[in-house]
């Protein structure tokens, strides 16, 4: 199973087939477990990483990462909605 890349925006910068499905924060654990639990952080700001660490229950590191191998990842795009 491929790792899940943690992103903080749903901007996709290359062609491909994407699906954007909303999750509640408590559902993310199951989403990750179903995909093997391995994550790669592409979260570029310390404050965002700290909040996600608290919400998700595991360390999310700051990592200004450009993901070139899009076909190797599932994505968890983590952003706030108005709900």
N, C-alpha and C. Protein backbone atom coordinates (compact mmCIF):
# COMPACT_ATOMS: atom_id res chain seq x y z
N UNK A 1 0.85 -1.17 0.00
CA UNK A 1 0.00 0.00 0.00
C UNK A 1 0.89 1.24 0.00
N UNK A 2 0.46 2.26 -0.67
CA UNK A 2 1.22 3.50 -0.75
C UNK A 2 0.93 4.41 0.43
N UNK A 3 1.88 5.26 0.80
CA UNK A 3 1.65 6.19 1.91
C UNK A 3 0.60 7.24 1.55
N UNK A 4 0.01 7.81 2.58
CA UNK A 4 -0.94 8.90 2.41
C UNK A 4 -0.19 10.21 2.61
N UNK A 5 -0.25 11.09 1.64
CA UNK A 5 0.38 12.40 1.75
C UNK A 5 -0.59 13.36 2.41
N UNK A 6 -0.16 14.00 3.47
CA UNK A 6 -0.99 14.98 4.18
C UNK A 6 -0.76 16.36 3.55
N UNK A 7 -1.80 16.93 3.01
CA UNK A 7 -1.75 18.24 2.37
C UNK A 7 -2.67 19.19 3.10
N UNK A 8 -2.47 20.50 2.93
CA UNK A 8 -3.40 21.45 3.54
C UNK A 8 -4.13 22.27 2.50
N UNK A 9 -4.13 21.81 1.27
CA UNK A 9 -4.91 22.46 0.21
C UNK A 9 -5.23 21.44 -0.87
N UNK A 10 -6.41 21.54 -1.46
CA UNK A 10 -6.78 20.57 -2.50
C UNK A 10 -6.33 20.98 -3.91
N UNK A 11 -5.26 21.74 -4.03
CA UNK A 11 -4.77 22.14 -5.34
C UNK A 11 -3.94 21.00 -5.93
N UNK A 12 -4.34 20.53 -7.10
CA UNK A 12 -3.61 19.49 -7.79
C UNK A 12 -2.91 20.12 -8.99
N UNK A 13 -1.61 19.92 -9.08
CA UNK A 13 -0.82 20.66 -10.06
C UNK A 13 -0.39 19.84 -11.26
N UNK A 14 -0.96 18.68 -11.42
CA UNK A 14 -0.64 17.85 -12.58
C UNK A 14 -1.91 17.15 -13.04
N UNK A 15 -1.91 16.72 -14.27
CA UNK A 15 -3.10 16.02 -14.76
C UNK A 15 -3.25 14.69 -14.05
N UNK A 16 -4.47 14.22 -14.01
CA UNK A 16 -4.75 12.96 -13.34
C UNK A 16 -6.21 12.86 -13.00
N UNK A 17 -6.57 11.77 -12.37
CA UNK A 17 -7.94 11.53 -11.95
C UNK A 17 -7.99 11.68 -10.44
N UNK A 18 -8.77 12.65 -9.96
CA UNK A 18 -8.84 12.95 -8.54
C UNK A 18 -10.28 12.86 -8.05
N UNK A 19 -10.41 12.52 -6.80
CA UNK A 19 -11.70 12.51 -6.14
C UNK A 19 -11.54 13.25 -4.82
N UNK A 20 -12.42 14.19 -4.54
CA UNK A 20 -12.38 14.96 -3.31
C UNK A 20 -13.60 14.58 -2.48
N UNK A 21 -13.37 13.90 -1.36
CA UNK A 21 -14.43 13.41 -0.51
C UNK A 21 -14.25 13.99 0.89
N UNK A 22 -15.26 14.66 1.43
CA UNK A 22 -15.10 15.23 2.78
C UNK A 22 -15.13 14.15 3.86
N UNK A 23 -14.31 14.35 4.89
CA UNK A 23 -14.28 13.49 6.07
C UNK A 23 -14.45 14.34 7.30
N UNK A 24 -14.99 13.78 8.34
CA UNK A 24 -14.96 14.39 9.66
C UNK A 24 -13.61 14.04 10.28
N UNK A 25 -13.11 14.88 11.18
CA UNK A 25 -11.78 14.66 11.73
C UNK A 25 -11.67 13.30 12.40
N UNK A 26 -12.73 12.80 13.03
CA UNK A 26 -12.66 11.50 13.70
C UNK A 26 -12.62 10.33 12.71
N UNK A 27 -12.90 10.58 11.44
CA UNK A 27 -12.86 9.52 10.42
C UNK A 27 -11.48 9.36 9.78
N UNK A 28 -10.59 10.32 9.99
CA UNK A 28 -9.28 10.28 9.35
C UNK A 28 -8.47 9.07 9.81
N UNK A 29 -8.57 8.70 11.07
CA UNK A 29 -7.84 7.53 11.58
C UNK A 29 -8.18 6.27 10.81
N UNK A 30 -9.47 6.05 10.55
CA UNK A 30 -9.89 4.88 9.77
C UNK A 30 -9.39 4.96 8.34
N UNK A 31 -9.46 6.16 7.74
CA UNK A 31 -8.97 6.36 6.38
C UNK A 31 -7.50 5.98 6.28
N UNK A 32 -6.69 6.43 7.26
CA UNK A 32 -5.28 6.12 7.25
C UNK A 32 -5.03 4.63 7.51
N UNK A 33 -5.75 4.05 8.46
CA UNK A 33 -5.57 2.63 8.78
C UNK A 33 -5.91 1.75 7.58
N UNK A 34 -6.95 2.10 6.85
CA UNK A 34 -7.35 1.33 5.67
C UNK A 34 -6.27 1.35 4.59
N UNK A 35 -5.38 2.33 4.65
CA UNK A 35 -4.32 2.48 3.65
C UNK A 35 -2.95 2.16 4.22
N UNK A 36 -2.90 1.45 5.32
CA UNK A 36 -1.64 1.00 5.89
C UNK A 36 -1.06 1.89 6.97
N UNK A 37 -1.61 3.08 7.18
CA UNK A 37 -1.19 3.96 8.27
C UNK A 37 0.04 4.81 8.02
N UNK A 38 0.76 4.59 6.92
CA UNK A 38 1.97 5.37 6.66
C UNK A 38 1.59 6.72 6.05
N UNK A 39 2.18 7.79 6.59
CA UNK A 39 1.90 9.13 6.08
C UNK A 39 3.19 9.85 5.70
N UNK A 40 3.07 10.80 4.80
CA UNK A 40 4.14 11.72 4.46
C UNK A 40 3.55 13.12 4.59
N UNK A 41 4.14 13.94 5.44
CA UNK A 41 3.64 15.29 5.63
C UNK A 41 4.13 16.21 4.53
N UNK A 42 3.21 16.97 3.97
CA UNK A 42 3.54 18.07 3.07
C UNK A 42 2.95 19.35 3.65
N UNK A 43 2.94 19.42 4.98
CA UNK A 43 2.42 20.57 5.71
C UNK A 43 3.58 21.54 5.92
N UNK A 44 3.46 22.75 5.39
CA UNK A 44 4.58 23.67 5.36
C UNK A 44 4.65 24.71 6.46
N UNK A 45 3.69 24.73 7.37
CA UNK A 45 3.68 25.75 8.42
C UNK A 45 3.61 25.09 9.79
N UNK A 46 4.41 25.60 10.71
CA UNK A 46 4.51 25.03 12.05
C UNK A 46 3.16 25.02 12.78
N UNK A 47 2.43 26.12 12.73
CA UNK A 47 1.14 26.19 13.41
C UNK A 47 0.15 25.15 12.89
N UNK A 48 0.12 24.97 11.60
CA UNK A 48 -0.77 23.97 11.00
C UNK A 48 -0.36 22.57 11.45
N UNK A 49 0.93 22.30 11.45
CA UNK A 49 1.42 20.99 11.89
C UNK A 49 1.06 20.73 13.35
N UNK A 50 1.16 21.75 14.20
CA UNK A 50 0.82 21.59 15.62
C UNK A 50 -0.66 21.28 15.81
N UNK A 51 -1.52 22.01 15.10
CA UNK A 51 -2.97 21.77 15.21
C UNK A 51 -3.31 20.37 14.72
N UNK A 52 -2.75 19.97 13.60
CA UNK A 52 -3.03 18.63 13.06
C UNK A 52 -2.51 17.54 13.98
N UNK A 53 -1.37 17.77 14.61
CA UNK A 53 -0.84 16.80 15.59
C UNK A 53 -1.85 16.59 16.71
N UNK A 54 -2.41 17.68 17.22
CA UNK A 54 -3.40 17.57 18.29
C UNK A 54 -4.68 16.89 17.82
N UNK A 55 -5.16 17.27 16.65
CA UNK A 55 -6.42 16.72 16.15
C UNK A 55 -6.32 15.25 15.75
N UNK A 56 -5.20 14.88 15.14
CA UNK A 56 -5.07 13.53 14.60
C UNK A 56 -4.50 12.53 15.61
N UNK A 57 -3.83 13.03 16.65
CA UNK A 57 -3.30 12.13 17.67
C UNK A 57 -1.96 11.50 17.32
N UNK A 58 -1.28 12.00 16.32
CA UNK A 58 0.08 11.57 16.01
C UNK A 58 0.84 12.77 15.47
N UNK A 59 2.17 12.69 15.53
CA UNK A 59 2.97 13.84 15.14
C UNK A 59 2.90 14.09 13.63
N UNK A 60 2.56 15.32 13.29
CA UNK A 60 2.61 15.79 11.91
C UNK A 60 3.74 16.80 11.85
N UNK A 61 4.79 16.47 11.11
CA UNK A 61 5.96 17.33 11.04
C UNK A 61 5.81 18.39 9.95
N UNK A 62 6.48 19.52 10.16
CA UNK A 62 6.56 20.55 9.12
C UNK A 62 7.46 20.00 8.03
N UNK A 63 6.98 20.07 6.80
CA UNK A 63 7.75 19.54 5.69
C UNK A 63 7.32 20.25 4.42
N UNK A 64 8.09 21.21 3.99
CA UNK A 64 7.80 21.91 2.73
C UNK A 64 8.26 21.03 1.60
N UNK A 65 7.35 20.21 1.15
CA UNK A 65 7.66 19.13 0.23
C UNK A 65 6.91 19.32 -1.08
N UNK A 66 7.60 19.09 -2.17
CA UNK A 66 6.94 19.04 -3.48
C UNK A 66 6.82 17.57 -3.86
N UNK A 67 5.61 17.11 -4.05
CA UNK A 67 5.39 15.71 -4.40
C UNK A 67 5.36 15.55 -5.91
N UNK A 68 6.37 14.91 -6.44
CA UNK A 68 6.43 14.71 -7.89
C UNK A 68 5.78 13.41 -8.32
N UNK A 69 5.81 12.40 -7.48
CA UNK A 69 5.30 11.08 -7.84
C UNK A 69 3.85 10.94 -7.38
N UNK A 70 2.96 11.68 -7.99
CA UNK A 70 1.56 11.69 -7.56
C UNK A 70 0.93 10.30 -7.60
N UNK A 71 1.33 9.46 -8.52
CA UNK A 71 0.72 8.15 -8.64
C UNK A 71 1.09 7.23 -7.48
N UNK A 72 2.03 7.62 -6.64
CA UNK A 72 2.46 6.78 -5.53
C UNK A 72 1.70 7.06 -4.24
N UNK A 73 0.81 8.03 -4.23
CA UNK A 73 0.21 8.46 -2.99
C UNK A 73 -1.31 8.48 -3.04
N UNK A 74 -1.90 8.25 -1.88
CA UNK A 74 -3.25 8.68 -1.61
C UNK A 74 -3.08 10.03 -0.92
N UNK A 75 -4.10 10.87 -0.97
CA UNK A 75 -3.96 12.19 -0.37
C UNK A 75 -5.01 12.40 0.70
N UNK A 76 -4.61 13.00 1.80
CA UNK A 76 -5.54 13.49 2.81
C UNK A 76 -5.35 15.00 2.83
N UNK A 77 -6.32 15.70 2.30
CA UNK A 77 -6.26 17.16 2.26
C UNK A 77 -6.99 17.67 3.49
N UNK A 78 -6.27 18.33 4.37
CA UNK A 78 -6.82 18.73 5.66
C UNK A 78 -6.99 20.23 5.68
N UNK A 79 -8.26 20.66 5.66
CA UNK A 79 -8.53 22.09 5.70
C UNK A 79 -9.84 22.32 6.41
N UNK A 80 -10.04 23.54 6.90
CA UNK A 80 -11.23 23.88 7.69
C UNK A 80 -12.37 24.27 6.76
N UNK A 81 -13.55 23.81 7.11
CA UNK A 81 -14.75 24.23 6.40
C UNK A 81 -15.57 25.13 7.31
N UNK A 82 -16.65 25.65 6.80
CA UNK A 82 -17.49 26.55 7.60
C UNK A 82 -18.49 25.80 8.44
N UNK A 83 -18.53 24.49 8.38
CA UNK A 83 -19.49 23.71 9.17
C UNK A 83 -19.09 23.63 10.61
